[in-house]
Amino acid sequence: GRGLWGMAGRRWRSGAGSPDRAAAERAPRIYTRTGDSGFSSTFTGERRPKGDRIFEALGATDELSSAIGLAGEFSSEKGHTFVDQLHKVQCMLQDVGSNLATPLSSAREAHRKRTSFSEKPVLELEQWIDSYSEQLPPLRAFILPSGGRSSAALHFSRAVCRRAERCVVPLVQAGEADPNVAKYLNSDYLFVLARYAAMKEGKEEKIYIKPDP
């Protein structure tokens, strides 16, 4: 909304009580007001409604990165070695967003080259999945999100990833985004990582138990 952010911005730019008013006035604003009319812009400069499926996909991808960031903080506290992988995934999600924000129907060749998404990170993610899967005990029951804070946060990230994938697949099918973007939103990585975190921490994974009739 314009109200709160606008008022905060005006107070900040006024420099009241600031030792360096000139520096504050030169600093960029955190808000743009370009979306106040219910529209926003793609990287190609195209104006679309904020409810457009491109922005839905971008929002879901941003939420995924935030969820992974939280899982990474919990995992870092436990000393897990895969935290660097999670940071790399977050960086790749920025590139996913760039590709989504460049709809192929309106992108020039220069746009496409700048925001293309290759198969390389997809193959790397699949290698990580295989590596962790080989170290896990067999899956004999339906696992509920559990297994300690690191594991539970990774399970939550997995659920957000599946939603992001559901938002992105229609864009790929419509020829608006690179197919590798949808392939990279692979929730299997976060699932096996959640199980791996629980195993490393010696936490019990809760399983689904069918209630008595």
Protein backbone atom coordinates (compact mmCIF):
# COMPACT_ATOMS: atom_id res chain seq x y z
CA GLY A 1 0.00 0.00 0.00
CA ARG A 2 1.07 3.54 -0.68
CA GLY A 3 0.06 5.00 2.70
CA LEU A 4 2.43 3.39 5.17
CA TRP A 5 5.41 3.09 2.84
CA GLY A 6 4.86 6.60 1.50
CA MET A 7 4.78 8.13 4.97
CA ALA A 8 7.86 6.21 6.06
CA GLY A 9 9.67 7.25 2.91
CA ARG A 10 8.87 10.92 3.41
CA ARG A 11 10.07 10.83 7.01
CA TRP A 12 13.27 9.08 5.99
CA ARG A 13 14.00 11.49 3.14
CA SER A 14 13.38 14.52 5.36
CA GLY A 15 16.66 13.80 7.12
CA ALA A 16 15.26 14.86 10.50
CA GLY A 17 17.80 14.01 13.16
CA SER A 18 20.21 12.57 10.59
CA PRO A 19 23.87 13.65 10.60
CA ASP A 20 24.07 13.27 6.87
CA ARG A 21 20.90 14.59 5.25
CA ALA A 22 22.52 14.85 1.81
CA ALA A 23 23.52 11.18 1.86
CA ALA A 24 20.01 10.18 2.89
CA GLU A 25 18.49 12.18 0.05
CA ARG A 26 20.82 10.52 -2.46
CA ALA A 27 20.00 7.00 -1.28
CA PRO A 28 17.50 5.03 -3.42
CA ARG A 29 13.92 4.66 -2.21
CA ILE A 30 12.79 1.19 -1.24
CA TYR A 31 9.41 1.76 -2.89
CA THR A 32 8.62 2.73 -6.48
CA ARG A 33 4.84 3.30 -6.57
CA THR A 34 4.87 1.83 -10.07
CA GLY A 35 2.40 -0.85 -9.00
CA ASP A 36 -0.11 1.34 -7.21
CA SER A 37 -2.53 1.16 -10.14
CA GLY A 38 -2.70 -2.63 -9.97
CA PHE A 39 -0.16 -3.22 -12.74
CA SER A 40 3.52 -4.10 -12.71
CA SER A 41 6.27 -4.48 -15.31
CA THR A 42 8.16 -7.48 -16.63
CA PHE A 43 11.86 -7.30 -17.50
CA THR A 44 10.83 -6.70 -21.09
CA GLY A 45 8.97 -3.53 -20.08
CA GLU A 46 5.54 -5.05 -20.63
CA ARG A 47 2.84 -3.85 -18.19
CA ARG A 48 0.61 -6.60 -16.83
CA PRO A 49 -1.96 -6.82 -14.01
CA LYS A 50 -0.47 -7.76 -10.66
CA GLY A 51 -2.70 -10.84 -10.65
CA ASP A 52 -1.08 -12.11 -13.87
CA ARG A 53 0.23 -15.67 -13.61
CA ILE A 54 3.77 -14.42 -14.21
CA PHE A 55 3.67 -12.44 -10.98
CA GLU A 56 2.00 -15.35 -9.19
CA ALA A 57 4.95 -17.53 -10.22
CA LEU A 58 7.46 -14.86 -9.22
CA GLY A 59 5.81 -14.50 -5.82
CA ALA A 60 5.81 -18.24 -5.20
CA THR A 61 9.48 -18.45 -6.18
CA ASP A 62 10.31 -15.61 -3.80
CA GLU A 63 8.43 -17.37 -1.00
CA LEU A 64 10.40 -20.53 -1.76
CA SER A 65 13.70 -18.68 -1.42
CA SER A 66 12.53 -17.19 1.89
CA ALA A 67 11.48 -20.62 3.20
CA ILE A 68 14.83 -22.10 2.18
CA GLY A 69 16.59 -19.19 3.88
CA LEU A 70 14.80 -20.01 7.14
CA ALA A 71 15.63 -23.71 6.77
CA GLY A 72 19.24 -22.74 6.11
CA GLU A 73 19.44 -20.74 9.34
CA PHE A 74 18.10 -23.65 11.39
CA SER A 75 20.44 -26.05 9.61
CA SER A 76 23.42 -23.77 10.12
CA GLU A 77 22.78 -23.79 13.87
CA LYS A 78 23.14 -27.58 13.75
CA GLY A 79 26.33 -27.43 11.68
CA HIS A 80 24.91 -29.18 8.60
CA THR A 81 27.32 -29.21 5.66
CA PHE A 82 24.54 -28.78 3.08
CA VAL A 83 23.91 -25.15 4.07
CA ASP A 84 26.17 -23.94 1.26
CA GLN A 85 24.03 -25.91 -1.17
CA LEU A 86 20.90 -24.16 0.09
CA HIS A 87 22.57 -20.79 -0.44
CA LYS A 88 23.45 -21.81 -3.99
CA VAL A 89 19.85 -22.86 -4.60
CA GLN A 90 18.66 -19.45 -3.39
CA CYS A 91 21.04 -17.80 -5.87
CA MET A 92 19.71 -20.01 -8.67
CA LEU A 93 16.15 -19.06 -7.72
CA GLN A 94 17.07 -15.46 -8.47
CA ASP A 95 17.92 -16.62 -11.99
CA VAL A 96 14.65 -18.56 -12.10
CA GLY A 97 12.87 -15.31 -11.30
CA SER A 98 14.74 -13.46 -14.04
CA ASN A 99 13.62 -16.05 -16.57
CA LEU A 100 10.01 -15.92 -15.38
CA ALA A 101 10.02 -12.12 -15.51
CA THR A 102 11.10 -12.26 -19.16
CA PRO A 103 8.08 -13.75 -20.98
CA LEU A 104 9.29 -15.22 -24.25
CA SER A 105 6.29 -13.85 -26.12
CA SER A 106 7.55 -10.27 -25.69
CA ALA A 107 11.31 -10.86 -25.18
CA ARG A 108 13.89 -9.70 -27.67
CA GLU A 109 16.93 -11.84 -28.38
CA ALA A 110 19.05 -9.73 -26.02
CA HIS A 111 16.53 -10.35 -23.23
CA ARG A 112 16.56 -14.09 -23.86
CA LYS A 113 20.34 -14.34 -23.77
CA ARG A 114 20.52 -12.36 -20.55
CA THR A 115 17.93 -14.40 -18.65
CA SER A 116 18.22 -17.88 -20.18
CA PHE A 117 18.26 -20.82 -17.76
CA SER A 118 20.46 -23.76 -18.71
CA GLU A 119 20.23 -27.44 -17.90
CA LYS A 120 23.45 -27.43 -15.85
CA PRO A 121 21.93 -26.46 -12.47
CA VAL A 122 19.13 -28.99 -13.03
CA LEU A 123 21.66 -31.80 -13.48
CA GLU A 124 23.59 -30.66 -10.41
CA LEU A 125 20.41 -30.72 -8.32
CA GLU A 126 19.63 -34.23 -9.53
CA GLN A 127 23.13 -35.35 -8.53
CA TRP A 128 22.55 -33.98 -5.03
CA ILE A 129 19.24 -35.84 -4.82
CA ASP A 130 20.92 -39.13 -5.77
CA SER A 131 23.75 -38.55 -3.29
CA TYR A 132 21.47 -38.00 -0.30
CA SER A 133 19.01 -40.71 -1.32
CA GLU A 134 21.78 -43.31 -1.25
CA GLN A 135 22.53 -42.45 2.39
CA LEU A 136 18.97 -42.64 3.68
CA PRO A 137 17.16 -45.62 5.20
CA PRO A 138 14.38 -47.11 3.04
CA LEU A 139 11.09 -45.26 3.06
CA ARG A 140 8.48 -47.66 4.47
CA ALA A 141 5.71 -45.28 5.54
CA PHE A 142 4.28 -41.85 4.77
CA ILE A 143 6.42 -39.31 6.63
CA LEU A 144 4.86 -36.25 8.22
CA PRO A 145 6.78 -32.96 8.31
CA SER A 146 8.86 -33.50 11.46
CA GLY A 147 12.33 -34.60 12.54
CA GLY A 148 13.56 -31.47 14.31
CA ARG A 149 13.55 -27.81 13.32
CA SER A 150 15.93 -28.19 10.38
CA SER A 151 13.98 -31.09 8.92
CA ALA A 152 10.56 -29.52 9.51
CA ALA A 153 11.67 -26.26 7.88
CA LEU A 154 12.96 -28.19 4.88
CA HIS A 155 9.64 -30.03 4.63
CA PHE A 156 7.88 -26.66 4.65
CA SER A 157 10.23 -25.49 1.88
CA ARG A 158 9.32 -28.64 -0.06
CA ALA A 159 5.62 -27.76 0.12
CA VAL A 160 6.32 -24.19 -1.06
CA CYS A 161 8.46 -25.59 -3.88
CA ARG A 162 5.58 -27.74 -5.11
CA ARG A 163 3.33 -24.69 -5.18
CA ALA A 164 5.94 -22.71 -7.09
CA GLU A 165 6.18 -25.57 -9.57
CA ARG A 166 2.39 -25.55 -10.04
CA CYS A 167 2.59 -21.82 -10.85
CA VAL A 168 5.50 -22.19 -13.26
CA VAL A 169 4.41 -25.24 -15.28
CA PRO A 170 1.54 -23.39 -17.05
CA LEU A 171 4.00 -20.69 -18.13
CA VAL A 172 6.32 -23.30 -19.58
CA GLN A 173 3.41 -25.03 -21.33
CA ALA A 174 2.38 -21.68 -22.80
CA GLY A 175 5.89 -21.10 -24.11
CA GLU A 176 6.52 -18.13 -21.82
CA ALA A 177 9.33 -19.64 -19.72
CA ASP A 178 12.25 -22.02 -20.20
CA PRO A 179 11.41 -25.70 -19.46
CA ASN A 180 14.56 -25.97 -17.32
CA VAL A 181 13.01 -23.50 -14.88
CA ALA A 182 10.20 -25.94 -14.06
CA LYS A 183 12.67 -28.83 -13.85
CA TYR A 184 14.78 -26.91 -11.34
CA LEU A 185 11.81 -26.53 -8.99
CA ASN A 186 12.32 -30.12 -7.88
CA SER A 187 10.84 -30.69 -4.42
CA ASP A 188 12.51 -34.11 -4.20
CA TYR A 189 15.77 -32.37 -3.25
CA LEU A 190 14.18 -30.69 -0.24
CA PHE A 191 12.40 -33.90 0.74
CA VAL A 192 15.54 -36.05 0.84
CA LEU A 193 17.44 -33.22 2.52
CA ALA A 194 14.77 -33.04 5.25
CA ARG A 195 15.15 -36.75 5.88
CA TYR A 196 18.94 -36.46 5.82
CA ALA A 197 18.86 -33.63 8.39
CA ALA A 198 16.66 -35.69 10.72
CA MET A 199 18.98 -38.67 10.38
CA LYS A 200 22.11 -36.60 11.07
CA GLU A 201 20.53 -34.99 14.14
CA GLY A 202 19.22 -38.30 15.44
CA LYS A 203 15.66 -37.01 15.36
CA GLU A 204 12.63 -39.25 14.95
CA GLU A 205 10.57 -38.86 11.80
CA LYS A 206 6.87 -39.01 12.59
CA ILE A 207 4.84 -41.25 10.30
CA TYR A 208 1.22 -41.25 9.27
CA ILE A 209 -0.93 -43.52 11.41
CA LYS A 210 -4.42 -44.20 10.16
CA PRO A 211 -6.96 -43.20 12.81
CA ASP A 212 -9.25 -45.85 14.18
CA PRO A 213 -12.66 -45.88 12.47
